[in-house]
Amino acid sequence: MKIMIISDIHGYSKNLKEVLDIYTNNNFDMMICLGDLLTPGYDYEEVKTLLNNFSRKYDFTCMMGNNDKYIDGLDFPLCEGYISLTIDGHRMFFTHGNRYNINNKSFMDREGDILIQGHTHSRWMYKEYTKYYLNPGSISLPRDDCDGSFIIYENNVFYLYDIDNNLESTLEVLK
């Protein structure tokens, strides 16, 4: 399975268009967005239109971020809290990160569990003991030394890319 993971769009359409273009021109199975879709005053309506059109054509799951509580006009649901998916035999937890995160992870009770969160606008991928922790950063408002970033998962490996689709790092997960 090939998955693109993005987070923290915050109403900026430019970088969203970039990742949607990468997605549509490659052979992905699904996209997961970790929330914080919109910030009023930016490209609010354009981002809603882009995401609604995308969700009608592709497998798209979206978490509710701390800035998403009052959004209307979306054609797809926003998942609260966290979701757990088993992908290629790995149990992965996806969350925005404001409530469930590396400091509140009691639900991760098995060796090999993977937590993928957004919210911080900083990217990371690491293994600690028998568990994995990832954050794609923000595609629009990064708080580290890049212009935006996202993660791709494929064949037991996570790949961290910058917004220009340059590979920055990898993390292999063991079965």
Protein backbone atom coordinates (compact mmCIF):
# COMPACT_ATOMS: atom_id res chain seq x y z
CA MET A 1 0.00 0.00 0.00
CA LYS A 2 1.25 3.48 -0.88
CA ILE A 3 0.00 6.34 1.30
CA MET A 4 0.69 10.09 1.32
CA ILE A 5 0.48 11.78 4.73
CA ILE A 6 0.13 15.55 5.01
CA SER A 7 -0.70 17.97 7.80
CA ASP A 8 -1.33 21.59 8.70
CA ILE A 9 -2.46 23.20 5.44
CA HIS A 10 -3.86 26.24 7.28
CA GLY A 11 -5.65 27.64 4.25
CA TYR A 12 -2.65 27.97 1.93
CA SER A 13 -3.50 26.60 -1.50
CA LYS A 14 -0.08 26.86 -3.18
CA ASN A 15 1.62 23.97 -1.39
CA LEU A 16 -1.62 21.98 -1.24
CA LYS A 17 -1.71 22.11 -5.05
CA GLU A 18 1.88 20.84 -5.11
CA VAL A 19 1.15 17.75 -3.00
CA LEU A 20 -2.14 17.03 -4.78
CA ASP A 21 -0.23 17.14 -8.06
CA ILE A 22 2.37 14.69 -6.72
CA TYR A 23 -0.43 12.44 -5.51
CA THR A 24 -2.42 12.46 -8.75
CA ASN A 25 0.67 11.86 -10.92
CA ASN A 26 1.82 8.81 -8.96
CA ASN A 27 0.23 5.52 -8.03
CA PHE A 28 -1.05 6.15 -4.49
CA ASP A 29 -3.72 4.14 -2.68
CA MET A 30 -4.81 6.82 -0.22
CA MET A 31 -4.06 10.16 1.39
CA ILE A 32 -4.33 10.89 5.08
CA CYS A 33 -4.44 14.50 6.25
CA LEU A 34 -3.70 15.06 9.94
CA GLY A 35 -5.80 18.21 10.23
CA ASP A 36 -5.68 21.99 10.49
CA LEU A 37 -7.06 22.46 7.01
CA LEU A 38 -8.12 26.07 7.05
CA THR A 39 -7.31 29.41 8.59
CA PRO A 40 -9.86 32.13 7.78
CA GLY A 41 -8.54 34.91 5.60
CA TYR A 42 -6.09 32.92 3.52
CA ASP A 43 -7.15 30.76 0.54
CA TYR A 44 -10.07 29.43 2.60
CA GLU A 45 -12.57 28.79 -0.20
CA GLU A 46 -9.97 27.56 -2.68
CA VAL A 47 -8.58 25.03 -0.19
CA LYS A 48 -12.10 23.78 0.57
CA THR A 49 -12.79 23.38 -3.16
CA LEU A 50 -9.49 21.59 -3.79
CA LEU A 51 -10.04 19.16 -0.91
CA ASN A 52 -13.70 18.52 -1.77
CA ASN A 53 -12.83 17.76 -5.40
CA PHE A 54 -9.94 15.53 -4.31
CA SER A 55 -12.09 13.61 -1.79
CA ARG A 56 -14.64 12.79 -4.52
CA LYS A 57 -12.00 11.06 -6.67
CA TYR A 58 -9.54 9.50 -4.23
CA ASP A 59 -9.41 7.58 -0.96
CA PHE A 60 -9.02 10.45 1.51
CA THR A 61 -9.13 10.36 5.31
CA CYS A 62 -8.84 13.55 7.31
CA MET A 63 -8.35 14.16 11.02
CA MET A 64 -9.86 17.15 12.80
CA GLY A 65 -7.22 19.63 13.88
CA ASN A 66 -7.54 22.13 16.70
CA ASN A 67 -8.40 24.83 14.11
CA ASP A 68 -11.04 22.75 12.29
CA LYS A 69 -13.97 22.69 14.74
CA TYR A 70 -16.16 25.20 12.95
CA ILE A 71 -15.48 24.40 9.29
CA ASP A 72 -18.57 23.98 7.15
CA GLY A 73 -18.99 23.05 3.51
CA LEU A 74 -16.73 19.98 3.43
CA ASP A 75 -17.81 16.91 1.44
CA PHE A 76 -15.88 14.54 3.71
CA PRO A 77 -15.92 13.87 7.46
CA LEU A 78 -13.25 15.02 9.89
CA CYS A 79 -12.21 12.26 12.30
CA GLU A 80 -11.78 13.34 15.92
CA GLY A 81 -9.17 11.98 18.30
CA TYR A 82 -7.20 9.30 16.51
CA ILE A 83 -7.83 6.49 14.08
CA SER A 84 -6.07 3.15 14.04
CA LEU A 85 -5.39 1.39 10.74
CA THR A 86 -3.55 -1.85 10.14
CA ILE A 87 -1.48 -1.43 7.01
CA ASP A 88 0.87 -4.12 5.74
CA GLY A 89 0.63 -5.77 9.16
CA HIS A 90 1.59 -2.58 11.04
CA ARG A 91 -0.78 -0.93 13.52
CA MET A 92 -0.65 2.78 12.75
CA PHE A 93 -2.32 5.52 14.79
CA PHE A 94 -3.09 8.77 12.97
CA THR A 95 -3.94 11.91 14.94
CA HIS A 96 -3.68 15.66 14.68
CA GLY A 97 -1.50 15.79 17.78
CA ASN A 98 -3.09 18.44 19.96
CA ARG A 99 -4.74 15.80 22.21
CA TYR A 100 -3.07 12.48 21.41
CA ASN A 101 0.65 12.73 20.76
CA ILE A 102 4.10 11.55 21.84
CA ASN A 103 3.27 12.73 25.38
CA ASN A 104 -0.20 11.10 25.47
CA LYS A 105 0.20 7.70 23.82
CA SER A 106 -1.21 5.20 26.32
CA PHE A 107 -3.21 3.54 23.52
CA MET A 108 0.06 2.34 21.94
CA ASP A 109 0.27 -0.93 23.83
CA ARG A 110 1.99 -3.26 21.35
CA GLU A 111 5.54 -3.61 20.12
CA GLY A 112 5.88 -2.10 16.67
CA ASP A 113 3.01 0.41 17.08
CA ILE A 114 3.38 3.53 14.95
CA LEU A 115 2.16 7.01 15.94
CA ILE A 116 1.81 9.56 13.15
CA GLN A 117 0.84 13.03 14.34
CA GLY A 118 0.77 16.59 13.03
CA HIS A 119 0.13 19.83 14.96
CA THR A 120 3.72 20.85 15.77
CA HIS A 121 4.63 21.99 12.23
CA SER A 122 7.99 20.27 12.75
CA ARG A 123 8.91 17.06 10.99
CA TRP A 124 10.46 13.99 12.50
CA MET A 125 10.71 10.23 12.09
CA TYR A 126 12.33 8.01 14.69
CA LYS A 127 12.18 4.70 16.50
CA GLU A 128 12.25 4.54 20.30
CA TYR A 129 12.63 1.06 21.75
CA THR A 130 10.00 -0.97 19.85
CA LYS A 131 7.74 1.88 18.68
CA TYR A 132 7.84 4.44 15.91
CA TYR A 133 6.99 8.14 15.98
CA LEU A 134 6.47 10.32 12.92
CA ASN A 135 5.34 13.81 12.06
CA PRO A 136 5.16 15.06 8.45
CA GLY A 137 5.52 18.68 9.58
CA SER A 138 3.39 21.26 7.81
CA ILE A 139 2.98 21.54 4.06
CA SER A 140 2.37 25.28 4.42
CA LEU A 141 3.70 26.77 7.67
CA PRO A 142 6.74 24.76 8.75
CA ARG A 143 8.54 25.59 11.97
CA ASP A 144 11.81 24.09 10.89
CA ASP A 145 14.26 24.74 8.08
CA CYS A 146 12.13 23.79 5.07
CA ASP A 147 9.38 25.20 2.86
CA GLY A 148 6.95 22.41 3.76
CA SER A 149 7.08 18.63 3.98
CA PHE A 150 5.06 15.42 3.78
CA ILE A 151 5.51 11.68 4.29
CA ILE A 152 4.99 8.76 1.94
CA TYR A 153 4.60 5.22 3.25
CA GLU A 154 5.28 2.26 0.95
CA ASN A 155 6.46 -1.33 1.51
CA ASN A 156 7.36 -0.98 5.21
CA VAL A 157 9.29 2.27 4.71
CA PHE A 158 8.35 5.86 5.52
CA TYR A 159 9.89 8.53 3.29
CA LEU A 160 10.05 12.18 4.35
CA TYR A 161 9.98 14.64 1.45
CA ASP A 162 10.20 18.39 1.22
CA ILE A 163 7.53 20.28 -0.70
CA ASP A 164 9.69 20.16 -3.85
CA ASN A 165 9.51 16.34 -3.72
CA ASN A 166 13.12 15.90 -2.62
CA LEU A 167 13.72 12.92 -0.35
CA GLU A 168 15.07 14.02 3.04
CA SER A 169 15.09 10.83 5.12
CA THR A 170 13.70 7.32 5.46
CA LEU A 171 12.55 5.10 8.32
CA GLU A 172 12.06 1.37 7.85
CA VAL A 173 9.55 -0.33 10.12
CA LEU A 174 10.09 -3.94 11.10
CA LYS A 175 7.40 -6.59 11.11
